[in-house]
């Protein structure tokens, strides 16, 4: 899968540029999270309580534990979406570049945010919650 490929030159201090599969990285970490969102904000319409859950299943890999790239599948009631991004200093950043609804997920120890952009409207929806 394409999301399992990383460009090693993206890491600071790496002199060579080459493509490497995450499964071949010297440092790896399984990604298995459930994210529960309790607040939904619709563009300019304001925020409301919600109950929205997604799961993330993937793999992080790199040259060091504090700087890895991630390939994952995000599953919700609506769809399964391939995502890619980074896990740097325990902050997970994932993007989906779907043309109809690109998404960004950020998860830290203090909380998580998922933003979906519906391109045909345009409309942005932001969810606030936590990932465990």
Protein backbone atom coordinates (compact mmCIF):
# COMPACT_ATOMS: atom_id res chain seq x y z
CA UNK A 1 0.00 0.00 0.00
CA UNK A 2 1.22 3.47 -0.82
CA UNK A 3 0.63 4.79 2.71
CA UNK A 4 3.22 2.34 3.98
CA UNK A 5 5.99 4.13 2.09
CA UNK A 6 8.15 6.85 3.64
CA UNK A 7 10.65 9.30 2.28
CA UNK A 8 13.58 8.98 4.69
CA UNK A 9 15.05 12.37 3.75
CA UNK A 10 12.09 14.02 5.51
CA UNK A 11 13.80 13.39 8.85
CA UNK A 12 16.30 15.96 10.16
CA UNK A 13 19.88 14.74 10.05
CA UNK A 14 19.35 12.14 7.32
CA UNK A 15 21.74 12.71 4.46
CA UNK A 16 20.38 10.18 1.95
CA UNK A 17 17.06 10.37 0.19
CA UNK A 18 15.41 7.02 -0.42
CA UNK A 19 12.04 5.31 -0.28
CA UNK A 20 11.63 2.77 2.53
CA UNK A 21 8.65 0.65 3.55
CA UNK A 22 7.50 1.31 7.14
CA UNK A 23 7.69 -2.43 7.84
CA UNK A 24 11.44 -2.24 7.17
CA UNK A 25 12.08 0.72 9.50
CA UNK A 26 14.48 0.01 12.38
CA UNK A 27 11.98 1.44 14.91
CA UNK A 28 8.29 0.51 14.65
CA UNK A 29 5.14 1.01 16.71
CA UNK A 30 1.66 -0.39 16.17
CA UNK A 31 -1.10 2.23 16.05
CA UNK A 32 -4.40 0.98 17.52
CA UNK A 33 -6.56 3.77 18.91
CA UNK A 34 -10.21 4.52 19.54
CA UNK A 35 -11.04 8.20 19.31
CA UNK A 36 -14.22 9.41 20.99
CA UNK A 37 -15.46 12.87 20.07
CA UNK A 38 -17.99 14.66 22.27
CA UNK A 39 -18.17 18.07 20.56
CA UNK A 40 -19.01 18.83 16.92
CA UNK A 41 -18.51 22.29 15.42
CA UNK A 42 -20.07 23.07 12.04
CA UNK A 43 -18.23 25.91 10.31
CA UNK A 44 -20.03 29.14 11.25
CA UNK A 45 -23.07 27.43 12.79
CA UNK A 46 -21.49 26.83 16.19
CA UNK A 47 -20.88 23.74 18.32
CA UNK A 48 -23.05 21.04 19.87
CA UNK A 49 -22.65 17.86 21.88
CA UNK A 50 -22.14 14.70 19.85
CA UNK A 51 -21.19 11.06 20.17
CA UNK A 52 -18.85 10.21 17.29
CA UNK A 53 -16.24 7.45 17.41
CA UNK A 54 -13.51 6.40 15.00
CA UNK A 55 -10.85 3.72 15.26
CA UNK A 56 -7.32 3.94 13.92
CA UNK A 57 -5.29 0.89 12.93
CA UNK A 58 -1.85 1.25 11.44
CA UNK A 59 1.90 1.24 11.81
CA UNK A 60 4.47 3.90 12.67
CA UNK A 61 8.08 3.51 11.63
CA UNK A 62 11.27 5.47 11.40
CA UNK A 63 14.84 5.85 12.51
CA UNK A 64 14.02 6.93 16.09
CA UNK A 65 11.14 6.47 18.55
CA UNK A 66 10.49 10.23 18.70
CA UNK A 67 10.25 10.76 14.91
CA UNK A 68 8.22 8.30 12.85
CA UNK A 69 5.91 8.34 9.86
CA UNK A 70 2.52 6.65 10.08
CA UNK A 71 0.22 4.81 7.72
CA UNK A 72 -3.22 4.01 9.12
CA UNK A 73 -6.82 3.21 8.32
CA UNK A 74 -9.45 5.35 10.07
CA UNK A 75 -12.78 3.55 10.39
CA UNK A 76 -16.08 5.26 11.27
CA UNK A 77 -19.74 4.50 10.72
CA UNK A 78 -19.49 6.47 7.47
CA UNK A 79 -16.38 5.00 5.82
CA UNK A 80 -12.88 3.56 6.02
CA UNK A 81 -10.22 6.09 5.04
CA UNK A 82 -6.49 5.65 4.40
CA UNK A 83 -4.45 8.22 6.31
CA UNK A 84 -0.77 9.09 6.47
CA UNK A 85 1.23 11.39 8.66
CA UNK A 86 3.73 11.54 11.50
CA UNK A 87 4.21 10.55 15.13
CA UNK A 88 6.68 13.06 16.50
CA UNK A 89 7.28 13.50 20.23
CA UNK A 90 4.05 11.54 20.97
CA UNK A 91 1.90 13.88 18.84
CA UNK A 92 0.03 11.98 16.14
CA UNK A 93 -0.81 13.94 12.98
CA UNK A 94 -2.71 12.15 10.21
CA UNK A 95 -4.10 13.38 6.89
CA UNK A 96 -6.49 11.91 4.36
CA UNK A 97 -6.36 13.56 0.97
CA UNK A 98 -9.68 12.24 -0.33
CA UNK A 99 -10.95 14.69 -2.96
CA UNK A 100 -14.55 14.71 -1.69
CA UNK A 101 -13.70 15.02 2.02
CA UNK A 102 -10.08 15.60 3.05
CA UNK A 103 -9.53 15.09 6.79
CA UNK A 104 -6.94 15.99 9.44
CA UNK A 105 -6.61 14.22 12.79
CA UNK A 106 -4.32 15.42 15.58
CA UNK A 107 -4.00 13.51 18.85
CA UNK A 108 -1.96 14.59 21.88
CA UNK A 109 -1.97 13.64 25.55
CA UNK A 110 -4.32 16.60 26.13
CA UNK A 111 -6.95 15.71 23.53
CA UNK A 112 -7.74 15.09 19.88
CA UNK A 113 -9.23 17.03 16.99
CA UNK A 114 -10.63 15.67 13.74
CA UNK A 115 -11.48 18.12 10.98
CA UNK A 116 -13.33 17.07 7.85
CA UNK A 117 -13.74 19.37 4.86
CA UNK A 118 -16.60 18.70 2.47
CA UNK A 119 -15.34 20.15 -0.78
CA UNK A 120 -18.63 20.29 -2.70
CA UNK A 121 -20.28 22.75 -0.28
CA UNK A 122 -17.64 23.94 1.04
CA UNK A 123 -18.06 23.05 4.72
CA UNK A 124 -15.68 22.26 7.58
CA UNK A 125 -16.67 20.10 10.56
CA UNK A 126 -14.44 19.90 13.61
CA UNK A 127 -14.74 17.21 16.28
CA UNK A 128 -13.15 17.52 19.74
CA UNK A 129 -12.44 14.58 22.02
CA UNK A 130 -9.73 12.09 22.98
CA UNK A 131 -7.93 9.08 21.50
CA UNK A 132 -6.90 6.10 23.62
